[in-house]
Amino acid sequence: MSSKPSKKFILLQDRFNPIFYSVLLILLVTVLAGGCSSSKPYATGPVKTFDPDTTRIPMPSSKEQFQYWDRIDNTTFHQIGKVLDLNRVFRFLGKPIGLASPREADNINKLDEVPESSWYTYRHYHNPMTREELARGPNTAEPDTSGPWTIFQAKLEGAMSGFFFEDASGERFLAKFDGPEYPGLMSSVEVIGSRIFHAAGYTVPEAAVAYFNPDQVLIRPGVEVEDNGEMRPMTMDDYRSIISGQSPYDDGTIRVFASKFVDGRPLGPWRFRGTYRDDPNDRVDHEHRRELRGMRVISSWVNDTDRRDANSMFVYNHDGYIDHYVQDFGNILGANGHSIHRPIQGQAYLIDPRFMLLNTVSFGTYVPLWETIDGSYEFPQVGYFRADVFKPGRWVPTHPNPAFENMTLRDAFWGAKIVMNFSDEDIRTMVETGLIYDERAVDYLVETLIQRRDMIGRYWFKRINPLDRFEATYQDERLQISFSDLYIEGNLNIPESHRYQYQIETIDGEFLADGVTDDPFIELTFPEHLLSRNTHQIVKVELYTLRNYEHSGDQKIDVYFEIGQNHTRLVGIDRET
């Protein structure tokens, strides 16, 4: 016979039940609201490949730029805001027990892709670029060194002193110089970074390494510089102080990084969260744009540790809408501006509560990885850049980035497939644009990028089924379906056996075929009665990949094709994570 619960226990139940059930109700509502959708996983009309955010708008006012505010904001106020965001908190609590899923990006189409927009352009992954196109990058003009350069603005104070000039052909550029201890480092990574991010699909300023005659420089009348908080006319002594740390080559020229002025009017930096209220075309919160979330993987590849608000730019272009630039690549690869990266950069935030807590609870006995790493380097033109200490899933920039923090596995897969699409030859082509004079340094940098690329592929492609580039053709009642296995194409330790299990059925539930194939290719006879009954039919292909490596992705991919008498098209991709 069971005993009755005590009166005290009943009172405790009555007291805490409302709280318990309220929390449970909120959690369930959050999960259901975030995880349920009435929309179909395929498109019945055209698939959205372009986001019409290029409507002409009145020119907005410029935004004031604060170089350090984004660091403070994202390190403190944004972190506090995450804790107060109940939707985010309950998703976080529900994920480990399978009740909730992370919030996916808001701007993806039915093919699980990012449409083109003022933020992103289909380039190397979608439209393979030639070696010449990769080397040229965004450039339309190189600095003209055949005549004098005329300074029309300059900056004397700060670590990144430099000047703005107009070359002999009338083009305008920003000139920045390498640190005296690391000649060629900052200028090379700026150019290499511009080529990589341009090929990845982002809008970047034109960038080039140039060699100019320091005696062929003029100062336009009226140019002023700030000196001890006061403005005064610029002199040739000021110009010489800017270039004083640069060593001339045998022919008397000096190396400089030159960034061409963008077409349009710069308005200031955009942010990695929220929207720009003065731009009615800006309708998606930036932290929920896949091209910004997935940028975390691309940035991890090149150790782009300073990817933050201040290193971006709104530009009101001549067509009357805003372009969104990614800029300032002086803190990638082994460079940290005029200096070099330290082992902690890429391993942890500058202020990182995770490791501060570990250090506290271990009473100071916890030793983080970066404190055990030798920070030495072999090539001054490369700096500190390694593959052996790279952790693709743990990489973070120096300061928190809201878009990076919201990255999901699908966002990571998107970024990883862009990185993996760069071949060894592509990487060498882009590295050589940095004009690194030591060929051994070039070889080291290329090999390190190749190693980090493959580490990214192995890490992310084992966590989501890396099948992509689906195609189908229908002719003479034969349906042929093909796809690419990005793990195999990337030569990532190809397993001894890899097979693809599939099942094909119509949306109406009529079974067509199932089986296992060794090649990423499926062919079957398509029943004629399905097309005689309808002008088209939606077919669902359920795919699994069977491999003999650890974490052998049993994740499913549902792929949808529209089959007709005279056309076949891909209309949907749904990846299981």
Protein backbone atom coordinates (compact mmCIF):
# COMPACT_ATOMS: atom_id res chain seq x y z
CA MET A 1 0.00 0.00 0.00
CA SER A 2 1.45 3.38 -0.98
CA SER A 3 1.77 6.11 1.56
CA LYS A 4 0.05 9.45 1.24
CA PRO A 5 2.20 12.46 0.36
CA SER A 6 2.80 14.75 3.26
CA LYS A 7 0.85 17.96 3.62
CA LYS A 8 4.09 19.90 3.29
CA PHE A 9 4.83 18.20 -0.06
CA ILE A 10 1.33 19.05 -1.35
CA LEU A 11 1.82 22.70 -0.38
CA LEU A 12 5.16 22.75 -2.21
CA GLN A 13 3.49 21.26 -5.26
CA ASP A 14 0.78 23.90 -5.20
CA ARG A 15 3.36 26.63 -4.82
CA PHE A 16 5.73 25.58 -7.61
CA ASN A 17 3.38 24.00 -10.12
CA PRO A 18 2.26 27.33 -11.66
CA ILE A 19 5.88 28.34 -12.15
CA PHE A 20 6.83 24.97 -13.59
CA TYR A 21 3.91 24.81 -15.97
CA SER A 22 4.33 28.43 -17.03
CA VAL A 23 7.96 27.83 -17.93
CA LEU A 24 7.03 24.60 -19.72
CA LEU A 25 4.26 26.35 -21.65
CA ILE A 26 6.57 29.18 -22.74
CA LEU A 27 9.20 26.65 -23.83
CA LEU A 28 6.68 24.61 -25.84
CA VAL A 29 5.19 27.69 -27.50
CA THR A 30 8.67 28.92 -28.39
CA VAL A 31 9.64 25.56 -29.82
CA LEU A 32 6.43 25.18 -31.81
CA ALA A 33 6.58 28.74 -33.12
CA GLY A 34 10.21 28.35 -34.17
CA GLY A 35 10.05 24.83 -35.49
CA CYS A 36 6.75 24.68 -37.36
CA SER A 37 6.10 26.16 -40.73
CA SER A 38 3.19 25.85 -43.12
CA SER A 39 5.28 26.73 -46.15
CA LYS A 40 6.26 23.99 -48.57
CA PRO A 41 9.91 22.89 -48.74
CA TYR A 42 9.93 23.53 -52.49
CA ALA A 43 9.00 26.35 -54.84
CA THR A 44 5.89 26.09 -57.00
CA GLY A 45 7.00 29.13 -58.98
CA PRO A 46 10.42 30.53 -59.85
CA VAL A 47 13.12 30.00 -57.23
CA LYS A 48 14.25 33.30 -55.73
CA THR A 49 17.84 33.90 -56.84
CA PHE A 50 17.84 37.71 -56.48
CA ASP A 51 16.77 39.81 -53.53
CA PRO A 52 15.35 43.07 -54.92
CA ASP A 53 17.07 45.36 -52.43
CA THR A 54 18.35 47.64 -55.18
CA THR A 55 15.36 49.97 -55.43
CA ARG A 56 16.35 53.62 -55.81
CA ILE A 57 16.11 55.52 -52.50
CA PRO A 58 16.91 59.08 -51.43
CA MET A 59 20.51 59.46 -50.31
CA PRO A 60 20.70 58.83 -46.54
CA SER A 61 22.80 60.93 -44.23
CA SER A 62 26.31 59.77 -43.34
CA LYS A 63 26.85 57.77 -40.13
CA GLU A 64 29.54 58.82 -37.70
CA GLN A 65 32.21 56.16 -37.25
CA PHE A 66 33.47 55.20 -33.79
CA GLN A 67 36.51 52.94 -34.09
CA TYR A 68 36.16 51.40 -30.63
CA TRP A 69 32.44 51.51 -29.84
CA ASP A 70 31.57 48.26 -31.65
CA ARG A 71 34.13 46.40 -29.52
CA ILE A 72 32.53 47.69 -26.31
CA ASP A 73 28.97 47.24 -27.55
CA ASN A 74 29.34 43.65 -28.76
CA THR A 75 31.50 42.58 -25.81
CA THR A 76 29.17 43.93 -23.11
CA PHE A 77 25.71 45.18 -24.11
CA HIS A 78 25.13 42.59 -26.83
CA GLN A 79 26.08 39.76 -24.44
CA ILE A 80 23.69 41.09 -21.79
CA GLY A 81 20.97 41.36 -24.45
CA LYS A 82 21.39 37.68 -25.36
CA VAL A 83 20.64 36.64 -21.78
CA LEU A 84 17.50 38.80 -21.73
CA ASP A 85 16.27 37.40 -25.07
CA LEU A 86 13.88 34.67 -23.82
CA ASN A 87 13.34 33.24 -27.30
CA ARG A 88 17.08 32.68 -27.63
CA VAL A 89 17.39 31.31 -24.09
CA PHE A 90 14.61 28.74 -24.51
CA ARG A 91 15.99 27.63 -27.86
CA PHE A 92 19.36 27.15 -26.17
CA LEU A 93 17.76 25.08 -23.38
CA GLY A 94 15.66 23.04 -25.79
CA LYS A 95 18.41 22.10 -28.25
CA PRO A 96 20.24 19.49 -26.10
CA ILE A 97 17.00 17.52 -25.54
CA GLY A 98 15.80 17.81 -29.12
CA LEU A 99 12.86 20.12 -28.45
CA ALA A 100 14.19 23.13 -30.29
CA SER A 101 16.36 23.94 -33.25
CA PRO A 102 18.53 27.01 -33.81
CA ARG A 103 17.07 29.91 -35.72
CA GLU A 104 18.06 29.54 -39.35
CA ALA A 105 19.01 32.50 -41.54
CA ASP A 106 16.13 34.65 -42.75
CA ASN A 107 17.31 35.29 -46.31
CA ILE A 108 17.75 31.81 -47.80
CA ASN A 109 15.70 30.48 -50.71
CA LYS A 110 14.13 27.06 -51.28
CA LEU A 111 17.49 25.73 -52.50
CA ASP A 112 19.07 26.56 -49.12
CA GLU A 113 21.08 29.26 -50.87
CA VAL A 114 21.65 33.00 -50.47
CA PRO A 115 20.02 35.03 -53.27
CA GLU A 116 22.17 37.68 -54.90
CA SER A 117 21.69 41.17 -53.51
CA SER A 118 23.55 44.36 -52.65
CA TRP A 119 25.29 42.21 -50.04
CA TYR A 120 26.32 39.18 -52.05
CA THR A 121 27.15 38.18 -55.65
CA TYR A 122 27.42 34.70 -57.17
CA ARG A 123 31.07 34.28 -58.06
CA HIS A 124 33.57 31.44 -57.83
CA TYR A 125 31.38 28.72 -56.28
CA HIS A 126 28.42 29.38 -58.56
CA ASN A 127 30.26 30.79 -61.58
CA PRO A 128 33.83 29.43 -61.69
CA MET A 129 36.39 32.20 -62.21
CA THR A 130 39.52 31.89 -64.33
CA ARG A 131 43.00 32.36 -62.87
CA GLU A 132 43.11 35.82 -64.49
CA GLU A 133 39.79 36.79 -62.90
CA LEU A 134 40.91 35.56 -59.47
CA ALA A 135 44.15 37.54 -59.76
CA ARG A 136 42.40 40.69 -60.95
CA GLY A 137 39.78 40.53 -58.21
CA PRO A 138 37.70 43.71 -57.93
CA ASN A 139 40.30 45.89 -59.66
CA THR A 140 39.44 48.07 -62.63
CA ALA A 141 42.53 50.31 -62.41
CA GLU A 142 46.05 50.19 -60.95
CA PRO A 143 47.80 53.26 -59.50
CA ASP A 144 49.50 55.17 -62.32
CA THR A 145 53.15 55.68 -61.34
CA SER A 146 54.20 57.34 -64.59
CA GLY A 147 53.69 60.83 -63.17
CA PRO A 148 53.43 62.65 -59.84
CA TRP A 149 51.01 61.72 -57.08
CA THR A 150 49.13 64.63 -55.48
CA ILE A 151 48.16 64.37 -51.81
CA PHE A 152 44.73 65.84 -51.06
CA GLN A 153 44.30 64.49 -47.52
CA ALA A 154 46.62 62.94 -44.91
CA LYS A 155 46.69 61.35 -41.47
CA LEU A 156 49.76 61.83 -39.29
CA GLU A 157 48.69 60.46 -35.92
CA GLY A 158 48.01 56.87 -34.97
CA ALA A 159 49.54 53.56 -35.95
CA MET A 160 48.04 53.59 -39.45
CA SER A 161 49.29 56.94 -40.73
CA GLY A 162 49.04 57.49 -44.47
CA PHE A 163 47.59 59.77 -47.11
CA PHE A 164 45.04 60.05 -49.89
CA PHE A 165 46.38 60.82 -53.33
CA GLU A 166 45.38 61.42 -56.92
CA ASP A 167 47.57 59.68 -59.47
CA ALA A 168 48.71 60.90 -62.87
CA SER A 169 45.52 59.64 -64.53
CA GLY A 170 43.21 61.35 -62.04
CA GLU A 171 42.20 58.23 -60.07
CA ARG A 172 42.00 58.59 -56.29
CA PHE A 173 43.53 56.15 -53.81
CA LEU A 174 44.27 55.64 -50.12
CA ALA A 175 47.94 54.86 -49.43
CA LYS A 176 48.97 52.79 -46.40
CA PHE A 177 52.46 51.56 -45.51
CA ASP A 178 53.92 48.45 -43.93
CA GLY A 179 55.31 48.43 -40.42
CA PRO A 180 59.10 49.00 -40.44
CA GLU A 181 59.76 45.67 -38.71
CA TYR A 182 57.61 43.68 -41.14
CA PRO A 183 58.19 45.06 -44.64
CA GLY A 184 55.69 43.76 -47.17
CA LEU A 185 53.42 42.06 -44.62
CA MET A 186 50.41 44.35 -44.22
CA SER A 187 50.37 45.40 -47.89
CA SER A 188 50.42 41.78 -49.09
CA VAL A 189 47.63 40.52 -46.80
CA GLU A 190 45.42 43.48 -47.71
CA VAL A 191 45.62 42.53 -51.39
CA ILE A 192 45.31 38.78 -50.81
CA GLY A 193 42.31 39.32 -48.54
CA SER A 194 40.56 41.46 -51.14
CA ARG A 195 40.99 38.70 -53.76
CA ILE A 196 39.69 35.96 -51.45
CA PHE A 197 36.63 37.82 -50.23
CA HIS A 198 35.83 39.11 -53.71
CA ALA A 199 35.96 35.59 -55.16
CA ALA A 200 33.83 34.38 -52.24
CA GLY A 201 31.08 36.78 -53.36
CA TYR A 202 31.47 39.91 -51.24
CA THR A 203 31.83 43.53 -52.35
CA VAL A 204 35.31 44.83 -51.54
CA PRO A 205 37.31 47.93 -52.50
CA GLU A 206 39.95 47.70 -55.22
CA ALA A 207 43.37 46.96 -53.79
CA ALA A 208 46.92 46.79 -55.16
CA VAL A 209 50.58 46.84 -54.19
CA ALA A 210 52.40 49.69 -55.93
CA TYR A 211 55.98 50.96 -56.10
CA PHE A 212 56.27 54.74 -56.44
CA ASN A 213 59.00 57.34 -56.60
CA PRO A 214 58.88 59.22 -53.26
CA ASP A 215 60.32 62.32 -54.94
CA GLN A 216 57.35 62.52 -57.32
CA VAL A 217 54.79 63.48 -54.71
CA LEU A 218 53.07 66.87 -54.41
CA ILE A 219 50.79 68.37 -51.77
CA ARG A 220 47.66 70.10 -52.98
CA PRO A 221 47.30 73.65 -51.62
CA GLY A 222 44.91 73.87 -48.69
CA VAL A 223 45.57 70.37 -47.32
CA GLU A 224 45.60 70.40 -43.53
CA VAL A 225 46.71 67.86 -40.91
CA GLU A 226 45.93 67.46 -37.24
CA ASP A 227 48.89 68.13 -34.97
CA ASN A 228 48.41 67.84 -31.20
CA GLY A 229 44.68 68.38 -31.55
CA GLU A 230 44.98 71.42 -33.83
CA MET A 231 44.75 71.73 -37.62
CA ARG A 232 47.55 73.29 -39.65
CA PRO A 233 48.75 73.26 -43.29
CA MET A 234 50.53 70.08 -44.34
CA THR A 235 54.21 70.38 -45.26
CA MET A 236 56.67 68.16 -47.11
CA ASP A 237 58.23 67.37 -43.71
CA ASP A 238 54.89 65.85 -42.72
CA TYR A 239 54.91 63.72 -45.86
CA ARG A 240 58.47 62.58 -45.17
CA SER A 241 57.51 61.62 -41.61
CA ILE A 242 54.82 59.32 -43.02
CA ILE A 243 57.27 57.45 -45.25
CA SER A 244 60.24 57.69 -42.89
CA GLY A 245 60.06 54.06 -41.80
CA GLN A 246 60.05 52.71 -45.37
CA SER A 247 63.26 51.42 -46.93
CA PRO A 248 63.64 52.33 -50.64
CA TYR A 249 64.46 49.58 -53.14
CA ASP A 250 67.56 49.71 -55.35
CA ASP A 251 65.70 51.78 -57.94
CA GLY A 252 64.66 54.32 -55.27
CA THR A 253 60.98 53.33 -55.19
CA ILE A 254 58.92 52.64 -52.06
CA ARG A 255 56.33 49.91 -51.62
CA VAL A 256 52.80 50.99 -50.70
CA PHE A 257 49.35 49.48 -50.39
CA ALA A 258 46.90 51.49 -52.51
CA SER A 259 43.13 51.16 -52.19
CA LYS A 260 41.08 52.87 -54.90
CA PHE A 261 38.21 55.13 -53.92
CA VAL A 262 34.85 53.38 -54.30
CA ASP A 263 32.27 54.53 -56.82
CA GLY A 264 29.62 56.45 -54.92
CA ARG A 265 29.40 58.21 -51.59
CA PRO A 266 30.61 56.38 -48.46
CA LEU A 267 28.13 56.74 -45.59
CA GLY A 268 30.01 54.99 -42.78
CA PRO A 269 30.13 51.44 -41.42
CA TRP A 270 27.22 49.01 -41.34
CA ARG A 271 26.64 46.77 -38.32
CA PHE A 272 26.64 42.98 -37.94
CA ARG A 273 23.22 43.16 -36.28
CA GLY A 274 19.97 45.02 -36.76
CA THR A 275 19.09 46.98 -39.90
CA TYR A 276 19.84 50.44 -41.22
CA ARG A 277 16.72 52.47 -40.52
CA ASP A 278 17.49 55.01 -43.26
CA ASP A 279 17.51 52.30 -45.94
CA PRO A 280 14.02 50.93 -46.75
CA ASN A 281 15.70 48.20 -48.82
CA ASP A 282 17.39 46.82 -45.68
CA ARG A 283 14.71 44.41 -44.43
CA VAL A 284 16.68 41.50 -42.90
CA ASP A 285 18.43 41.79 -39.54
CA HIS A 286 22.13 41.54 -40.34
CA GLU A 287 22.80 38.88 -37.71
CA HIS A 288 20.32 36.65 -39.55
CA ARG A 289 21.81 37.03 -43.03
CA ARG A 290 23.52 33.81 -44.11
CA GLU A 291 26.27 35.57 -46.05
CA LEU A 292 27.30 37.28 -42.78
CA ARG A 293 26.81 34.25 -40.55
CA GLY A 294 28.66 31.95 -42.95
CA MET A 295 31.44 34.51 -43.27
CA ARG A 296 32.63 33.16 -39.92
CA VAL A 297 33.94 30.02 -41.68
CA ILE A 298 35.63 32.05 -44.42
CA SER A 299 37.17 34.35 -41.80
CA SER A 300 38.36 31.36 -39.78
CA TRP A 301 40.18 30.04 -42.86
CA VAL A 302 42.32 33.19 -43.18
CA ASN A 303 42.29 34.10 -39.46
CA ASP A 304 40.38 37.32 -40.13
CA THR A 305 40.35 38.29 -36.46
CA ASP A 306 39.24 41.91 -36.78
CA ARG A 307 36.00 41.33 -38.70
CA ARG A 308 33.74 43.86 -36.99
CA ASP A 309 31.44 46.80 -37.71
CA ALA A 310 34.22 49.37 -38.12
CA ASN A 311 35.72 47.37 -40.99
CA SER A 312 32.69 47.64 -43.21
CA MET A 313 31.20 50.42 -45.31
CA PHE A 314 27.83 51.63 -46.62
CA VAL A 315 28.19 53.21 -50.06
CA TYR A 316 25.36 55.06 -51.79
CA ASN A 317 26.09 54.24 -55.43
CA HIS A 318 25.34 56.06 -58.67
CA ASP A 319 22.24 53.91 -59.28
CA GLY A 320 20.63 55.27 -56.15
CA TYR A 321 20.84 52.39 -53.68
CA ILE A 322 23.31 51.19 -51.03
CA ASP A 323 26.16 48.74 -51.61
CA HIS A 324 27.59 46.90 -48.61
CA TYR A 325 31.38 46.69 -48.59
CA VAL A 326 33.65 44.40 -46.57
CA GLN A 327 37.02 46.11 -46.15
CA ASP A 328 40.25 46.39 -44.18
CA PHE A 329 42.06 43.05 -44.47
CA GLY A 330 45.18 44.13 -42.61
CA ASN A 331 44.44 41.72 -39.75
CA ILE A 332 44.27 38.43 -41.65
CA LEU A 333 46.69 35.55 -42.20
CA GLY A 334 49.76 36.32 -40.05
CA ALA A 335 49.35 40.10 -39.86
CA ASN A 336 47.90 42.27 -37.14
CA GLY A 337 48.12 45.67 -38.75
CA HIS A 338 51.71 46.87 -38.56
CA SER A 339 52.56 43.93 -36.31
CA ILE A 340 51.83 40.17 -36.33
CA HIS A 341 49.16 37.98 -34.83
CA ARG A 342 49.64 36.45 -31.41
CA PRO A 343 48.70 32.83 -30.58
CA ILE A 344 45.54 33.91 -28.71
CA GLN A 345 44.05 35.56 -31.79
CA GLY A 346 41.57 33.16 -33.34
CA GLN A 347 41.55 31.02 -30.18
CA ALA A 348 39.55 33.29 -27.84
CA TYR A 349 37.96 36.71 -27.51
CA LEU A 350 40.10 39.44 -26.02
CA ILE A 351 37.65 39.41 -23.09
CA ASP A 352 36.29 35.87 -22.97
CA PRO A 353 34.00 34.89 -20.05
CA ARG A 354 34.27 31.19 -21.00
CA PHE A 355 37.95 30.98 -20.20
CA MET A 356 37.70 33.42 -17.32
CA LEU A 357 35.17 31.06 -15.69
CA LEU A 358 37.36 28.00 -16.33
CA ASN A 359 40.30 29.78 -14.79
CA THR A 360 38.20 30.71 -11.75
CA VAL A 361 36.70 27.28 -11.02
CA SER A 362 40.08 25.59 -11.53
CA PHE A 363 41.72 28.05 -9.11
CA GLY A 364 44.11 29.13 -11.85
CA THR A 365 45.28 25.63 -12.77
CA TYR A 366 43.57 25.67 -16.19
CA VAL A 367 46.08 26.52 -18.91
CA PRO A 368 44.51 27.62 -22.22
CA LEU A 369 45.92 26.32 -25.47
CA TRP A 370 47.37 29.62 -26.65
CA GLU A 371 49.58 29.89 -23.57
CA THR A 372 51.30 26.66 -24.57
CA ILE A 373 51.87 27.64 -28.21
CA ASP A 374 55.20 28.87 -29.46
CA GLY A 375 54.45 32.21 -31.14
CA SER A 376 57.58 32.22 -33.26
CA TYR A 377 57.50 32.53 -37.04
CA GLU A 378 59.89 31.86 -39.88
CA PHE A 379 58.98 34.48 -42.47
CA PRO A 380 58.49 38.19 -41.58
CA GLN A 381 56.37 38.58 -44.73
CA VAL A 382 53.95 35.95 -43.42
CA GLY A 383 54.02 36.55 -39.67
CA TYR A 384 52.32 34.16 -37.25
CA PHE A 385 49.97 31.93 -39.29
CA ARG A 386 49.71 28.19 -38.65
CA ALA A 387 47.53 25.19 -39.43
CA ASP A 388 48.54 22.77 -36.67
CA VAL A 389 46.78 24.80 -33.93
CA PHE A 390 43.70 25.66 -36.00
CA LYS A 391 40.34 24.51 -34.56
CA PRO A 392 37.63 25.18 -37.21
CA GLY A 393 34.69 24.68 -34.86
CA ARG A 394 36.12 26.84 -32.06
CA TRP A 395 37.58 29.74 -34.03
CA VAL A 396 36.46 33.21 -32.94
CA PRO A 397 37.55 36.76 -33.86
CA THR A 398 39.18 39.05 -31.32
CA HIS A 399 35.84 40.63 -30.41
CA PRO A 400 32.35 39.06 -30.46
CA ASN A 401 30.49 39.34 -33.76
CA PRO A 402 26.67 38.95 -33.50
CA ALA A 403 26.29 37.39 -36.95
CA PHE A 404 29.10 34.91 -36.29
CA GLU A 405 27.52 33.96 -32.95
CA ASN A 406 24.23 33.11 -34.70
CA MET A 407 25.85 30.80 -37.25
CA THR A 408 24.05 27.44 -37.57
CA LEU A 409 25.33 24.20 -39.07
CA ARG A 410 23.66 25.04 -42.39
CA ASP A 411 25.32 28.46 -42.41
CA ALA A 412 28.65 26.79 -41.67
CA PHE A 413 28.15 24.32 -44.52
CA TRP A 414 27.50 27.25 -46.87
CA GLY A 415 30.75 28.93 -45.81
CA ALA A 416 32.70 25.66 -45.88
CA LYS A 417 31.69 24.81 -49.44
CA ILE A 418 32.87 28.24 -50.58
CA VAL A 419 36.24 27.71 -48.88
CA MET A 420 36.60 24.15 -50.22
CA ASN A 421 35.85 25.34 -53.75
CA PHE A 422 39.24 27.10 -53.94
CA SER A 423 41.69 24.67 -55.52
CA ASP A 424 45.40 24.56 -54.68
CA GLU A 425 46.09 26.51 -57.91
CA ASP A 426 43.39 29.08 -57.05
CA ILE A 427 45.00 29.68 -53.67
CA ARG A 428 48.47 30.14 -55.15
CA THR A 429 47.07 32.55 -57.77
CA MET A 430 45.50 34.76 -55.09
CA VAL A 431 48.53 34.61 -52.77
CA GLU A 432 50.86 35.68 -55.58
CA THR A 433 48.90 38.94 -55.98
CA GLY A 434 50.43 40.02 -52.65
CA LEU A 435 53.85 40.28 -54.36
CA ILE A 436 55.72 38.52 -51.56
CA TYR A 437 59.37 38.60 -52.69
CA ASP A 438 60.51 35.50 -50.76
CA GLU A 439 59.35 32.44 -52.73
CA ARG A 440 59.76 30.25 -49.65
CA ALA A 441 57.31 32.47 -47.80
CA VAL A 442 54.86 32.17 -50.71
CA ASP A 443 55.10 28.37 -50.58
CA TYR A 444 54.61 28.33 -46.81
CA LEU A 445 51.54 30.60 -46.99
CA VAL A 446 49.97 28.59 -49.83
CA GLU A 447 50.54 25.29 -48.04
CA THR A 448 49.14 26.62 -44.75
CA LEU A 449 45.99 27.88 -46.49
CA ILE A 450 45.58 24.50 -48.19
CA GLN A 451 45.90 22.68 -44.87
CA ARG A 452 43.43 25.00 -43.12
CA ARG A 453 41.02 24.69 -46.07
CA ASP A 454 41.02 20.90 -45.80
CA MET A 455 40.60 21.04 -42.02
CA ILE A 456 37.49 23.16 -42.56
CA GLY A 457 36.10 20.67 -45.07
CA ARG A 458 36.77 17.65 -42.87
CA TYR A 459 35.25 19.31 -39.82
CA TRP A 460 32.03 20.74 -41.27
CA PHE A 461 31.33 18.14 -43.98
CA LYS A 462 31.26 15.42 -41.32
CA ARG A 463 28.49 17.27 -39.50
CA ILE A 464 26.10 17.78 -42.39
CA ASN A 465 25.62 15.71 -45.54
CA PRO A 466 27.85 17.53 -48.09
CA LEU A 467 25.90 16.73 -51.26
CA ASP A 468 25.26 19.67 -53.54
CA ARG A 469 24.92 20.80 -57.18
CA PHE A 470 21.87 18.65 -57.83
CA GLU A 471 20.69 18.29 -61.41
CA ALA A 472 18.01 16.26 -63.20
CA THR A 473 17.07 15.57 -66.80
CA TYR A 474 14.01 13.82 -68.17
CA GLN A 475 13.93 12.40 -71.67
CA ASP A 476 12.18 9.40 -73.24
CA GLU A 477 10.58 8.56 -69.89
CA ARG A 478 14.04 8.32 -68.29
CA LEU A 479 14.70 10.45 -65.22
CA GLN A 480 18.40 11.01 -64.52
CA ILE A 481 19.49 12.64 -61.28
CA SER A 482 23.09 13.63 -60.50
CA PHE A 483 24.82 15.47 -57.69
CA SER A 484 28.26 16.34 -56.30
CA ASP A 485 29.74 14.90 -53.13
CA LEU A 486 31.85 17.79 -51.84
CA TYR A 487 33.71 15.54 -49.42
CA ILE A 488 34.90 13.30 -52.24
CA GLU A 489 35.58 16.20 -54.63
CA GLY A 490 37.73 17.84 -51.95
CA ASN A 491 39.92 14.70 -51.64
CA LEU A 492 39.33 14.73 -47.88
CA ASN A 493 40.73 11.32 -46.96
CA ILE A 494 38.43 9.51 -49.36
CA PRO A 495 36.93 6.46 -47.58
CA GLU A 496 37.37 2.98 -48.97
CA SER A 497 33.66 2.72 -49.61
CA HIS A 498 31.10 5.43 -50.08
CA ARG A 499 27.58 4.79 -51.25
CA TYR A 500 24.35 6.73 -51.55
CA GLN A 501 21.03 5.37 -50.37
CA TYR A 502 17.98 6.90 -52.00
CA GLN A 503 14.22 6.77 -52.12
CA ILE A 504 12.16 8.58 -54.73
CA GLU A 505 8.46 9.34 -54.51
CA THR A 506 6.01 11.93 -55.72
CA ILE A 507 4.62 14.58 -53.42
CA ASP A 508 1.30 12.72 -53.65
CA GLY A 509 3.03 9.77 -52.01
CA GLU A 510 3.40 7.49 -55.01
CA PHE A 511 6.52 5.37 -54.63
CA LEU A 512 8.88 5.41 -57.64
CA ALA A 513 12.15 3.77 -56.62
CA ASP A 514 14.67 3.09 -53.88
CA GLY A 515 18.12 1.58 -53.72
CA VAL A 516 21.82 2.16 -53.21
CA THR A 517 24.27 3.53 -55.77
CA ASP A 518 28.06 3.78 -55.75
CA ASP A 519 28.15 6.86 -57.96
CA PRO A 520 26.39 10.19 -57.40
CA PHE A 521 24.00 9.33 -60.22
CA ILE A 522 20.49 7.82 -60.25
CA GLU A 523 18.50 6.75 -63.29
CA LEU A 524 14.99 5.32 -63.40
CA THR A 525 12.04 4.92 -65.72
CA PHE A 526 9.52 7.62 -64.89
CA PRO A 527 5.93 6.30 -65.11
CA GLU A 528 4.23 7.91 -68.10
CA HIS A 529 0.85 8.04 -66.38
CA LEU A 530 2.15 10.64 -63.91
CA LEU A 531 2.76 13.18 -66.66
CA SER A 532 -0.33 12.27 -68.66
CA ARG A 533 -2.35 13.11 -65.56
CA ASN A 534 -0.59 16.43 -64.89
CA THR A 535 1.42 18.92 -66.88
CA HIS A 536 4.15 18.56 -64.26
CA GLN A 537 4.95 16.52 -61.17
CA ILE A 538 6.94 17.29 -58.01
CA VAL A 539 9.28 14.45 -57.15
CA LYS A 540 11.00 14.08 -53.77
CA VAL A 541 14.41 12.37 -53.64
CA GLU A 542 15.46 11.30 -50.15
CA LEU A 543 19.25 10.83 -49.93
CA TYR A 544 21.63 9.41 -47.33
CA THR A 545 25.39 9.04 -47.61
CA LEU A 546 26.96 5.83 -46.33
CA ARG A 547 30.68 6.09 -45.51
CA ASN A 548 33.14 4.16 -43.42
CA TYR A 549 34.61 7.08 -41.55
CA GLU A 550 33.83 8.27 -38.04
CA HIS A 551 30.61 10.34 -37.68
CA SER A 552 29.57 8.84 -41.01
CA GLY A 553 26.90 11.38 -41.79
CA ASP A 554 23.57 9.64 -41.69
CA GLN A 555 21.93 13.03 -42.11
CA LYS A 556 19.23 13.08 -44.73
CA ILE A 557 18.78 15.49 -47.63
CA ASP A 558 15.38 15.88 -49.27
CA VAL A 559 15.70 17.19 -52.82
CA TYR A 560 12.69 18.26 -54.87
CA PHE A 561 12.47 18.33 -58.66
CA GLU A 562 9.68 19.52 -60.90
CA ILE A 563 9.34 17.06 -63.80
CA GLY A 564 7.47 18.01 -66.99
CA GLN A 565 7.24 16.85 -70.57
CA ASN A 566 9.57 19.59 -71.77
CA HIS A 567 11.42 20.72 -68.66
CA THR A 568 13.03 19.52 -65.44
CA ARG A 569 14.14 21.87 -62.68
CA LEU A 570 15.40 21.84 -59.10
CA VAL A 571 12.80 23.43 -56.83
CA GLY A 572 13.84 22.61 -53.26
CA ILE A 573 16.58 21.34 -50.93
CA ASP A 574 15.97 20.52 -47.27
CA ARG A 575 19.09 19.53 -45.28
CA GLU A 576 18.78 17.62 -42.05
CA THR A 577 21.26 18.70 -39.35
